[in-house]
Amino acid sequence: MVSHSELKQLFCTADAVCFDVDSTVIREEGIDELARFCGVEDAVSEMTRRAMGGAVPFRAALTERLALIQPSREQVQRLLAEHPPHLTPGIRMFSLDLEEM
């Protein structure tokens, strides 16, 4: 476990930082929201359940879920306009803390 100050230092000195933003930086699961918006929530939820259970590899599950949704750029833009993601409480403060370093 690292301290808050060590974590900030790590973020500020890293060449790159990569992490999953769904249910971390934002409260929503993006692919689930997109599936609901496009009317295929049940089928995508079933594939997600199978993937989370280890029955389907992540890459295959992602490919299958996107094939079920078949989102257009316009649908993604409408989803974001009509249902913008919500930041997880505290993430904005963490971002501001990093800017101060």
PDB file of N, CA and C in Angstrom:
ATOM      1  N   MET A   1       0.840  -1.170   0.000  1.00  0.00           N
ATOM      2  CA  MET A   1       0.000   0.000   0.000  1.00  0.00           C
ATOM      3  C   MET A   1       0.892   1.243   0.000  1.00  0.00           C
ATOM      4  N   VAL A   2       0.567   2.204  -0.845  1.00  0.00           N
ATOM      5  CA  VAL A   2       1.338   3.441  -0.896  1.00  0.00           C
ATOM      6  C   VAL A   2       0.518   4.572  -0.294  1.00  0.00           C
ATOM      7  N   SER A   3       1.204   5.582   0.170  1.00  0.00           N
ATOM      8  CA  SER A   3       0.513   6.738   0.745  1.00  0.00           C
ATOM      9  C   SER A   3      -0.058   7.607  -0.375  1.00  0.00           C
ATOM     10  N   HIS A   4      -0.954   8.505   0.014  1.00  0.00           N
ATOM     11  CA  HIS A   4      -1.564   9.427  -0.943  1.00  0.00           C
ATOM     12  C   HIS A   4      -0.493  10.269  -1.627  1.00  0.00           C
ATOM     13  N   SER A   5       0.472  10.761  -0.870  1.00  0.00           N
ATOM     14  CA  SER A   5       1.524  11.597  -1.465  1.00  0.00           C
ATOM     15  C   SER A   5       2.413  10.779  -2.400  1.00  0.00           C
ATOM     16  N   GLU A   6       2.690   9.520  -2.060  1.00  0.00           N
ATOM     17  CA  GLU A   6       3.477   8.666  -2.951  1.00  0.00           C
ATOM     18  C   GLU A   6       2.716   8.385  -4.251  1.00  0.00           C
ATOM     19  N   LEU A   7       1.415   8.192  -4.120  1.00  0.00           N
ATOM     20  CA  LEU A   7       0.592   7.955  -5.295  1.00  0.00           C
ATOM     21  C   LEU A   7       0.576   9.177  -6.210  1.00  0.00           C
ATOM     22  N   LYS A   8       0.419  10.353  -5.628  1.00  0.00           N
ATOM     23  CA  LYS A   8       0.445  11.583  -6.436  1.00  0.00           C
ATOM     24  C   LYS A   8       1.783  11.729  -7.148  1.00  0.00           C
ATOM     25  N   GLN A   9       2.860  11.447  -6.448  1.00  0.00           N
ATOM     26  CA  GLN A   9       4.198  11.549  -7.047  1.00  0.00           C
ATOM     27  C   GLN A   9       4.328  10.568  -8.213  1.00  0.00           C
ATOM     28  N   LEU A  10       3.817   9.363  -8.024  1.00  0.00           N
ATOM     29  CA  LEU A  10       3.870   8.356  -9.077  1.00  0.00           C
ATOM     30  C   LEU A  10       3.115   8.818 -10.317  1.00  0.00           C
ATOM     31  N   PHE A  11       1.905   9.336 -10.133  1.00  0.00           N
ATOM     32  CA  PHE A  11       1.104   9.819 -11.255  1.00  0.00           C
ATOM     33  C   PHE A  11       1.803  10.981 -11.970  1.00  0.00           C
ATOM     34  N   CYS A  12       2.418  11.856 -11.216  1.00  0.00           N
ATOM     35  CA  CYS A  12       3.037  13.048 -11.806  1.00  0.00           C
ATOM     36  C   CYS A  12       4.342  12.756 -12.532  1.00  0.00           C
ATOM     37  N   THR A  13       4.984  11.661 -12.207  1.00  0.00           N
ATOM     38  CA  THR A  13       6.271  11.359 -12.839  1.00  0.00           C
ATOM     39  C   THR A  13       6.181  10.244 -13.867  1.00  0.00           C
ATOM     40  N   ALA A  14       5.031   9.618 -13.990  1.00  0.00           N
ATOM     41  CA  ALA A  14       4.865   8.510 -14.936  1.00  0.00           C
ATOM     42  C   ALA A  14       4.822   9.027 -16.372  1.00  0.00           C
ATOM     43  N   ASP A  15       5.363   8.249 -17.290  1.00  0.00           N
ATOM     44  CA  ASP A  15       5.277   8.584 -18.708  1.00  0.00           C
ATOM     45  C   ASP A  15       3.850   8.414 -19.213  1.00  0.00           C
ATOM     46  N   ALA A  16       3.149   7.441 -18.645  1.00  0.00           N
ATOM     47  CA  ALA A  16       1.765   7.175 -19.020  1.00  0.00           C
ATOM     48  C   ALA A  16       1.068   6.458 -17.875  1.00  0.00           C
ATOM     49  N   VAL A  17      -0.216   6.697 -17.779  1.00  0.00           N
ATOM     50  CA  VAL A  17      -1.040   6.013 -16.787  1.00  0.00           C
ATOM     51  C   VAL A  17      -2.258   5.478 -17.520  1.00  0.00           C
ATOM     52  N   CYS A  18      -2.543   4.211 -17.332  1.00  0.00           N
ATOM     53  CA  CYS A  18      -3.668   3.589 -18.026  1.00  0.00           C
ATOM     54  C   CYS A  18      -4.505   2.820 -17.015  1.00  0.00           C
ATOM     55  N   PHE A  19      -5.800   3.062 -17.027  1.00  0.00           N
ATOM     56  CA  PHE A  19      -6.703   2.299 -16.181  1.00  0.00           C
ATOM     57  C   PHE A  19      -8.107   2.362 -16.751  1.00  0.00           C
ATOM     58  N   ASP A  20      -8.922   1.431 -16.327  1.00  0.00           N
ATOM     59  CA  ASP A  20     -10.311   1.343 -16.755  1.00  0.00           C
ATOM     60  C   ASP A  20     -11.089   2.452 -16.067  1.00  0.00           C
ATOM     61  N   VAL A  21     -11.757   3.305 -16.820  1.00  0.00           N
ATOM     62  CA  VAL A  21     -12.491   4.413 -16.211  1.00  0.00           C
ATOM     63  C   VAL A  21     -13.906   4.031 -15.790  1.00  0.00           C
ATOM     64  N   ASP A  22     -14.473   2.975 -16.383  1.00  0.00           N
ATOM     65  CA  ASP A  22     -15.838   2.567 -16.043  1.00  0.00           C
ATOM     66  C   ASP A  22     -15.892   2.093 -14.599  1.00  0.00           C
ATOM     67  N   SER A  23     -16.832   2.654 -13.857  1.00  0.00           N
ATOM     68  CA  SER A  23     -17.024   2.342 -12.434  1.00  0.00           C
ATOM     69  C   SER A  23     -15.780   2.658 -11.603  1.00  0.00           C
ATOM     70  N   THR A  24     -14.899   3.480 -12.134  1.00  0.00           N
ATOM     71  CA  THR A  24     -13.712   3.927 -11.414  1.00  0.00           C
ATOM     72  C   THR A  24     -13.683   5.455 -11.441  1.00  0.00           C
ATOM     73  N   VAL A  25     -13.409   6.015 -12.592  1.00  0.00           N
ATOM     74  CA  VAL A  25     -13.422   7.466 -12.759  1.00  0.00           C
ATOM     75  C   VAL A  25     -14.860   7.958 -12.939  1.00  0.00           C
ATOM     76  N   ILE A  26     -15.642   7.169 -13.653  1.00  0.00           N
ATOM     77  CA  ILE A  26     -17.075   7.476 -13.799  1.00  0.00           C
ATOM     78  C   ILE A  26     -17.879   6.380 -13.103  1.00  0.00           C
ATOM     79  N   ARG A  27     -19.095   6.710 -12.738  1.00  0.00           N
ATOM     80  CA  ARG A  27     -19.932   5.753 -12.005  1.00  0.00           C
ATOM     81  C   ARG A  27     -20.547   4.699 -12.915  1.00  0.00           C
ATOM     82  N   GLU A  28     -20.674   4.982 -14.184  1.00  0.00           N
ATOM     83  CA  GLU A  28     -21.360   4.086 -15.108  1.00  0.00           C
ATOM     84  C   GLU A  28     -20.409   3.059 -15.720  1.00  0.00           C
ATOM     85  N   GLU A  29     -20.995   1.981 -16.233  1.00  0.00           N
ATOM     86  CA  GLU A  29     -20.306   1.023 -17.093  1.00  0.00           C
ATOM     87  C   GLU A  29     -20.699   1.397 -18.520  1.00  0.00           C
ATOM     88  N   GLY A  30     -19.773   1.940 -19.276  1.00  0.00           N
ATOM     89  CA  GLY A  30     -20.066   2.491 -20.592  1.00  0.00           C
ATOM     90  C   GLY A  30     -20.745   1.524 -21.545  1.00  0.00           C
ATOM     91  N   ILE A  31     -20.248   0.291 -21.619  1.00  0.00           N
ATOM     92  CA  ILE A  31     -20.818  -0.651 -22.587  1.00  0.00           C
ATOM     93  C   ILE A  31     -22.242  -1.028 -22.190  1.00  0.00           C
ATOM     94  N   ASP A  32     -22.518  -1.107 -20.886  1.00  0.00           N
ATOM     95  CA  ASP A  32     -23.883  -1.408 -20.430  1.00  0.00           C
ATOM     96  C   ASP A  32     -24.829  -0.260 -20.758  1.00  0.00           C
ATOM     97  N   GLU A  33     -24.368   0.958 -20.569  1.00  0.00           N
ATOM     98  CA  GLU A  33     -25.199   2.130 -20.892  1.00  0.00           C
ATOM     99  C   GLU A  33     -25.482   2.184 -22.393  1.00  0.00           C
ATOM    100  N   LEU A  34     -24.459   1.907 -23.198  1.00  0.00           N
ATOM    101  CA  LEU A  34     -24.630   1.908 -24.651  1.00  0.00           C
ATOM    102  C   LEU A  34     -25.596   0.801 -25.084  1.00  0.00           C
ATOM    103  N   ALA A  35     -25.475  -0.381 -24.488  1.00  0.00           N
ATOM    104  CA  ALA A  35     -26.376  -1.489 -24.811  1.00  0.00           C
ATOM    105  C   ALA A  35     -27.819  -1.128 -24.466  1.00  0.00           C
ATOM    106  N   ARG A  36     -28.024  -0.519 -23.304  1.00  0.00           N
ATOM    107  CA  ARG A  36     -29.375  -0.107 -22.893  1.00  0.00           C
ATOM    108  C   ARG A  36     -29.922   0.919 -23.881  1.00  0.00           C
ATOM    109  N   PHE A  37     -29.098   1.890 -24.239  1.00  0.00           N
ATOM    110  CA  PHE A  37     -29.492   2.956 -25.161  1.00  0.00           C
ATOM    111  C   PHE A  37     -29.867   2.389 -26.536  1.00  0.00           C
ATOM    112  N   CYS A  38     -29.162   1.336 -26.952  1.00  0.00           N
ATOM    113  CA  CYS A  38     -29.389   0.743 -28.280  1.00  0.00           C
ATOM    114  C   CYS A  38     -30.404  -0.401 -28.251  1.00  0.00           C
ATOM    115  N   GLY A  39     -30.963  -0.694 -27.076  1.00  0.00           N
ATOM    116  CA  GLY A  39     -32.030  -1.681 -26.980  1.00  0.00           C
ATOM    117  C   GLY A  39     -31.604  -3.136 -26.944  1.00  0.00           C
ATOM    118  N   VAL A  40     -30.342  -3.412 -26.586  1.00  0.00           N
ATOM    119  CA  VAL A  40     -29.869  -4.800 -26.529  1.00  0.00           C
ATOM    120  C   VAL A  40     -29.270  -5.127 -25.161  1.00  0.00           C
ATOM    121  N   GLU A  41     -29.800  -4.510 -24.133  1.00  0.00           N
ATOM    122  CA  GLU A  41     -29.247  -4.653 -22.785  1.00  0.00           C
ATOM    123  C   GLU A  41     -29.220  -6.106 -22.303  1.00  0.00           C
ATOM    124  N   ASP A  42     -30.308  -6.856 -22.501  1.00  0.00           N
ATOM    125  CA  ASP A  42     -30.366  -8.224 -21.982  1.00  0.00           C
ATOM    126  C   ASP A  42     -29.302  -9.124 -22.598  1.00  0.00           C
ATOM    127  N   ALA A  43     -29.143  -9.066 -23.901  1.00  0.00           N
ATOM    128  CA  ALA A  43     -28.154  -9.913 -24.579  1.00  0.00           C
ATOM    129  C   ALA A  43     -26.737  -9.549 -24.154  1.00  0.00           C
ATOM    130  N   VAL A  44     -26.466  -8.260 -24.030  1.00  0.00           N
ATOM    131  CA  VAL A  44     -25.130  -7.810 -23.629  1.00  0.00           C
ATOM    132  C   VAL A  44     -24.870  -8.177 -22.170  1.00  0.00           C
ATOM    133  N   SER A  45     -25.881  -8.048 -21.319  1.00  0.00           N
ATOM    134  CA  SER A  45     -25.725  -8.419 -19.907  1.00  0.00           C
ATOM    135  C   SER A  45     -25.393  -9.899 -19.757  1.00  0.00           C
ATOM    136  N   GLU A  46     -26.031 -10.731 -20.560  1.00  0.00           N
ATOM    137  CA  GLU A  46     -25.747 -12.169 -20.513  1.00  0.00           C
ATOM    138  C   GLU A  46     -24.305 -12.454 -20.924  1.00  0.00           C
ATOM    139  N   MET A  47     -23.837 -11.799 -21.973  1.00  0.00           N
ATOM    140  CA  MET A  47     -22.451 -11.990 -22.409  1.00  0.00           C
ATOM    141  C   MET A  47     -21.478 -11.487 -21.335  1.00  0.00           C
ATOM    142  N   THR A  48     -21.794 -10.381 -20.712  1.00  0.00           N
ATOM    143  CA  THR A  48     -20.950  -9.845 -19.636  1.00  0.00           C
ATOM    144  C   THR A  48     -20.887 -10.844 -18.483  1.00  0.00           C
ATOM    145  N   ARG A  49     -22.042 -11.407 -18.115  1.00  0.00           N
ATOM    146  CA  ARG A  49     -22.089 -12.388 -17.029  1.00  0.00           C
ATOM    147  C   ARG A  49     -21.203 -13.596 -17.347  1.00  0.00           C
ATOM    148  N   ARG A  50     -21.271 -14.075 -18.576  1.00  0.00           N
ATOM    149  CA  ARG A  50     -20.444 -15.221 -18.977  1.00  0.00           C
ATOM    150  C   ARG A  50     -18.959 -14.872 -18.943  1.00  0.00           C
ATOM    151  N   ALA A  51     -18.626 -13.667 -19.381  1.00  0.00           N
ATOM    152  CA  ALA A  51     -17.224 -13.245 -19.378  1.00  0.00           C
ATOM    153  C   ALA A  51     -16.703 -13.083 -17.948  1.00  0.00           C
ATOM    154  N   MET A  52     -17.511 -12.492 -17.089  1.00  0.00           N
ATOM    155  CA  MET A  52     -17.092 -12.293 -15.698  1.00  0.00           C
ATOM    156  C   MET A  52     -16.926 -13.631 -14.978  1.00  0.00           C
ATOM    157  N   GLY A  53     -17.668 -14.629 -15.413  1.00  0.00           N
ATOM    158  CA  GLY A  53     -17.556 -15.965 -14.835  1.00  0.00           C
ATOM    159  C   GLY A  53     -16.396 -16.774 -15.390  1.00  0.00           C
ATOM    160  N   GLY A  54     -15.693 -16.217 -16.369  1.00  0.00           N
ATOM    161  CA  GLY A  54     -14.533 -16.895 -16.940  1.00  0.00           C
ATOM    162  C   GLY A  54     -14.845 -17.814 -18.102  1.00  0.00           C
ATOM    163  N   ALA A  55     -16.100 -17.874 -18.533  1.00  0.00           N
ATOM    164  CA  ALA A  55     -16.478 -18.765 -19.630  1.00  0.00           C
ATOM    165  C   ALA A  55     -16.035 -18.243 -20.989  1.00  0.00           C
ATOM    166  N   VAL A  56     -15.833 -16.940 -21.085  1.00  0.00           N
ATOM    167  CA  VAL A  56     -15.452 -16.311 -22.353  1.00  0.00           C
ATOM    168  C   VAL A  56     -14.284 -15.368 -22.080  1.00  0.00           C
ATOM    169  N   PRO A  57     -13.211 -15.446 -22.875  1.00  0.00           N
ATOM    170  CA  PRO A  57     -12.089 -14.516 -22.691  1.00  0.00           C
ATOM    171  C   PRO A  57     -12.542 -13.066 -22.902  1.00  0.00           C
ATOM    172  N   PHE A  58     -11.879 -12.132 -22.217  1.00  0.00           N
ATOM    173  CA  PHE A  58     -12.253 -10.723 -22.252  1.00  0.00           C
ATOM    174  C   PHE A  58     -12.368 -10.199 -23.680  1.00  0.00           C
ATOM    175  N   ARG A  59     -11.351 -10.421 -24.487  1.00  0.00           N
ATOM    176  CA  ARG A  59     -11.349  -9.875 -25.851  1.00  0.00           C
ATOM    177  C   ARG A  59     -12.520 -10.406 -26.667  1.00  0.00           C
ATOM    178  N   ALA A  60     -12.782 -11.696 -26.554  1.00  0.00           N
ATOM    179  CA  ALA A  60     -13.896 -12.295 -27.285  1.00  0.00           C
ATOM    180  C   ALA A  60     -15.224 -11.714 -26.793  1.00  0.00           C
ATOM    181  N   ALA A  61     -15.343 -11.545 -25.479  1.00  0.00           N
ATOM    182  CA  ALA A  61     -16.588 -10.991 -24.925  1.00  0.00           C
ATOM    183  C   ALA A  61     -16.799  -9.550 -25.380  1.00  0.00           C
ATOM    184  N   LEU A  62     -15.745  -8.760 -25.383  1.00  0.00           N
ATOM    185  CA  LEU A  62     -15.862  -7.370 -25.831  1.00  0.00           C
ATOM    186  C   LEU A  62     -16.267  -7.326 -27.301  1.00  0.00           C
ATOM    187  N   THR A  63     -15.626  -8.155 -28.116  1.00  0.00           N
ATOM    188  CA  THR A  63     -15.951  -8.216 -29.539  1.00  0.00           C
ATOM    189  C   THR A  63     -17.410  -8.618 -29.748  1.00  0.00           C
ATOM    190  N   GLU A  64     -17.860  -9.630 -29.008  1.00  0.00           N
ATOM    191  CA  GLU A  64     -19.245 -10.093 -29.149  1.00  0.00           C
ATOM    192  C   GLU A  64     -20.243  -9.046 -28.669  1.00  0.00           C
ATOM    193  N   ARG A  65     -19.923  -8.374 -27.570  1.00  0.00           N
ATOM    194  CA  ARG A  65     -20.842  -7.353 -27.054  1.00  0.00           C
ATOM    195  C   ARG A  65     -20.966  -6.194 -28.032  1.00  0.00           C
ATOM    196  N   LEU A  66     -19.851  -5.767 -28.603  1.00  0.00           N
ATOM    197  CA  LEU A  66     -19.919  -4.683 -29.589  1.00  0.00           C
ATOM    198  C   LEU A  66     -20.647  -5.131 -30.854  1.00  0.00           C
ATOM    199  N   ALA A  67     -20.497  -6.397 -31.225  1.00  0.00           N
ATOM    200  CA  ALA A  67     -21.229  -6.917 -32.386  1.00  0.00           C
ATOM    201  C   ALA A  67     -22.732  -6.945 -32.113  1.00  0.00           C
ATOM    202  N   LEU A  68     -23.116  -7.230 -30.881  1.00  0.00           N
ATOM    203  CA  LEU A  68     -24.535  -7.199 -30.508  1.00  0.00           C
ATOM    204  C   LEU A  68     -25.088  -5.770 -30.555  1.00  0.00           C
ATOM    205  N   ILE A  69     -24.295  -4.833 -30.068  1.00  0.00           N
ATOM    206  CA  ILE A  69     -24.743  -3.430 -29.997  1.00  0.00           C
ATOM    207  C   ILE A  69     -24.705  -2.775 -31.381  1.00  0.00           C
ATOM    208  N   GLN A  70     -23.642  -2.977 -32.115  1.00  0.00           N
ATOM    209  CA  GLN A  70     -23.408  -2.347 -33.412  1.00  0.00           C
ATOM    210  C   GLN A  70     -23.669  -0.838 -33.345  1.00  0.00           C
ATOM    211  N   PRO A  71     -22.976  -0.142 -32.444  1.00  0.00           N
ATOM    212  CA  PRO A  71     -23.249   1.294 -32.292  1.00  0.00           C
ATOM    213  C   PRO A  71     -22.690   2.114 -33.439  1.00  0.00           C
ATOM    214  N   SER A  72     -23.442   3.097 -33.832  1.00  0.00           N
ATOM    215  CA  SER A  72     -22.943   4.064 -34.807  1.00  0.00           C
ATOM    216  C   SER A  72     -22.319   5.219 -34.029  1.00  0.00           C
ATOM    217  N   ARG A  73     -21.525   6.004 -34.705  1.00  0.00           N
ATOM    218  CA  ARG A  73     -20.937   7.190 -34.074  1.00  0.00           C
ATOM    219  C   ARG A  73     -22.040   8.120 -33.575  1.00  0.00           C
ATOM    220  N   GLU A  74     -23.097   8.235 -34.360  1.00  0.00           N
ATOM    221  CA  GLU A  74     -24.209   9.112 -33.979  1.00  0.00           C
ATOM    222  C   GLU A  74     -24.889   8.622 -32.706  1.00  0.00           C
ATOM    223  N   GLN A  75     -25.056   7.290 -32.567  1.00  0.00           N
ATOM    224  CA  GLN A  75     -25.663   6.750 -31.351  1.00  0.00           C
ATOM    225  C   GLN A  75     -24.799   7.038 -30.126  1.00  0.00           C
ATOM    226  N   VAL A  76     -23.502   6.877 -30.274  1.00  0.00           N
ATOM    227  CA  VAL A  76     -22.590   7.159 -29.156  1.00  0.00           C
ATOM    228  C   VAL A  76     -22.671   8.632 -28.782  1.00  0.00           C
ATOM    229  N   GLN A  77     -22.665   9.508 -29.773  1.00  0.00           N
ATOM    230  CA  GLN A  77     -22.754  10.942 -29.505  1.00  0.00           C
ATOM    231  C   GLN A  77     -24.078  11.307 -28.845  1.00  0.00           C
ATOM    232  N   ARG A  78     -25.180  10.699 -29.294  1.00  0.00           N
ATOM    233  CA  ARG A  78     -26.494  10.955 -28.673  1.00  0.00           C
ATOM    234  C   ARG A  78     -26.537  10.456 -27.237  1.00  0.00           C
ATOM    235  N   LEU A  79     -25.978   9.269 -27.010  1.00  0.00           N
ATOM    236  CA  LEU A  79     -25.929   8.724 -25.656  1.00  0.00           C
ATOM    237  C   LEU A  79     -25.196   9.690 -24.725  1.00  0.00           C
ATOM    238  N   LEU A  80     -24.042  10.159 -25.150  1.00  0.00           N
ATOM    239  CA  LEU A  80     -23.252  11.073 -24.320  1.00  0.00           C
ATOM    240  C   LEU A  80     -23.969  12.405 -24.095  1.00  0.00           C
ATOM    241  N   ALA A  81     -24.682  12.878 -25.117  1.00  0.00           N
ATOM    242  CA  ALA A  81     -25.406  14.138 -24.985  1.00  0.00           C
ATOM    243  C   ALA A  81     -26.625  13.989 -24.066  1.00  0.00           C
ATOM    244  N   GLU A  82     -27.333  12.867 -24.193  1.00  0.00           N
ATOM    245  CA  GLU A  82     -28.561  12.665 -23.429  1.00  0.00           C
ATOM    246  C   GLU A  82     -28.322  12.080 -22.039  1.00  0.00           C
ATOM    247  N   HIS A  83     -27.228  11.347 -21.888  1.00  0.00           N
ATOM    248  CA  HIS A  83     -26.912  10.687 -20.618  1.00  0.00           C
ATOM    249  C   HIS A  83     -25.418  10.826 -20.330  1.00  0.00           C
ATOM    250  N   PRO A  84     -24.955  12.025 -20.036  1.00  0.00           N
ATOM    251  CA  PRO A  84     -23.514  12.203 -19.804  1.00  0.00           C
ATOM    252  C   PRO A  84     -23.055  11.400 -18.587  1.00  0.00           C
ATOM    253  N   PRO A  85     -21.824  10.888 -18.631  1.00  0.00           N
ATOM    254  CA  PRO A  85     -21.315  10.124 -17.490  1.00  0.00           C
ATOM    255  C   PRO A  85     -21.130  11.026 -16.263  1.00  0.00           C
ATOM    256  N   HIS A  86     -21.208  10.411 -15.096  1.00  0.00           N
ATOM    257  CA  HIS A  86     -21.052  11.126 -13.831  1.00  0.00           C
ATOM    258  C   HIS A  86     -19.734  10.728 -13.181  1.00  0.00           C
ATOM    259  N   LEU A  87     -18.954  11.722 -12.803  1.00  0.00           N
ATOM    260  CA  LEU A  87     -17.689  11.434 -12.133  1.00  0.00           C
ATOM    261  C   LEU A  87     -17.936  10.769 -10.784  1.00  0.00           C
ATOM    262  N   THR A  88     -17.080   9.832 -10.442  1.00  0.00           N
ATOM    263  CA  THR A  88     -17.123   9.193  -9.141  1.00  0.00           C
ATOM    264  C   THR A  88     -16.776  10.238  -8.087  1.00  0.00           C
ATOM    265  N   PRO A  89     -17.510  10.254  -6.973  1.00  0.00           N
ATOM    266  CA  PRO A  89     -17.197  11.233  -5.915  1.00  0.00           C
ATOM    267  C   PRO A  89     -15.716  11.148  -5.521  1.00  0.00           C
ATOM    268  N   GLY A  90     -15.079  12.300  -5.411  1.00  0.00           N
ATOM    269  CA  GLY A  90     -13.678  12.368  -5.011  1.00  0.00           C
ATOM    270  C   GLY A  90     -12.700  12.393  -6.166  1.00  0.00           C
ATOM    271  N   ILE A  91     -13.096  11.968  -7.350  1.00  0.00           N
ATOM    272  CA  ILE A  91     -12.155  11.898  -8.472  1.00  0.00           C
ATOM    273  C   ILE A  91     -11.743  13.301  -8.928  1.00  0.00           C
ATOM    274  N   ARG A  92     -12.662  14.246  -8.883  1.00  0.00           N
ATOM    275  CA  ARG A  92     -12.321  15.615  -9.278  1.00  0.00           C
ATOM    276  C   ARG A  92     -11.308  16.210  -8.293  1.00  0.00           C
ATOM    277  N   MET A  93     -11.493  15.957  -7.014  1.00  0.00           N
ATOM    278  CA  MET A  93     -10.557  16.456  -6.013  1.00  0.00           C
ATOM    279  C   MET A  93      -9.186  15.832  -6.222  1.00  0.00           C
ATOM    280  N   PHE A  94      -9.148  14.540  -6.549  1.00  0.00           N
ATOM    281  CA  PHE A  94      -7.879  13.868  -6.815  1.00  0.00           C
ATOM    282  C   PHE A  94      -7.190  14.507  -8.005  1.00  0.00           C
ATOM    283  N   SER A  95      -7.962  14.825  -9.047  1.00  0.00           N
ATOM    284  CA  SER A  95      -7.417  15.472 -10.227  1.00  0.00           C
ATOM    285  C   SER A  95      -6.828  16.838  -9.879  1.00  0.00           C
ATOM    286  N   LEU A  96      -7.545  17.587  -9.066  1.00  0.00           N
ATOM    287  CA  LEU A  96      -7.057  18.912  -8.654  1.00  0.00           C
ATOM    288  C   LEU A  96      -5.793  18.778  -7.813  1.00  0.00           C
ATOM    289  N   ASP A  97      -5.728  17.754  -6.955  1.00  0.00           N
ATOM    290  CA  ASP A  97      -4.526  17.516  -6.152  1.00  0.00           C
ATOM    291  C   ASP A  97      -3.315  17.270  -7.057  1.00  0.00           C
ATOM    292  N   LEU A  98      -3.512  16.530  -8.133  1.00  0.00           N
ATOM    293  CA  LEU A  98      -2.407  16.234  -9.053  1.00  0.00           C
ATOM    294  C   LEU A  98      -1.941  17.504  -9.755  1.00  0.00           C
ATOM    295  N   GLU A  99      -2.880  18.385 -10.089  1.00  0.00           N
ATOM    296  CA  GLU A  99      -2.512  19.619 -10.776  1.00  0.00           C
ATOM    297  C   GLU A  99      -1.638  20.515  -9.896  1.00  0.00           C
ATOM    298  N   GLU A 100      -1.787  20.429  -8.608  1.00  0.00           N
ATOM    299  CA  GLU A 100      -1.019  21.267  -7.693  1.00  0.00           C
ATOM    300  C   GLU A 100       0.429  20.842  -7.575  1.00  0.00           C
ATOM    301  N   MET A 101       0.760  19.633  -8.008  1.00  0.00           N
ATOM    302  CA  MET A 101       2.135  19.144  -7.861  1.00  0.00           C
ATOM    303  C   MET A 101       3.059  19.748  -8.895  1.00  0.00           C
TER     304      MET A 101
END
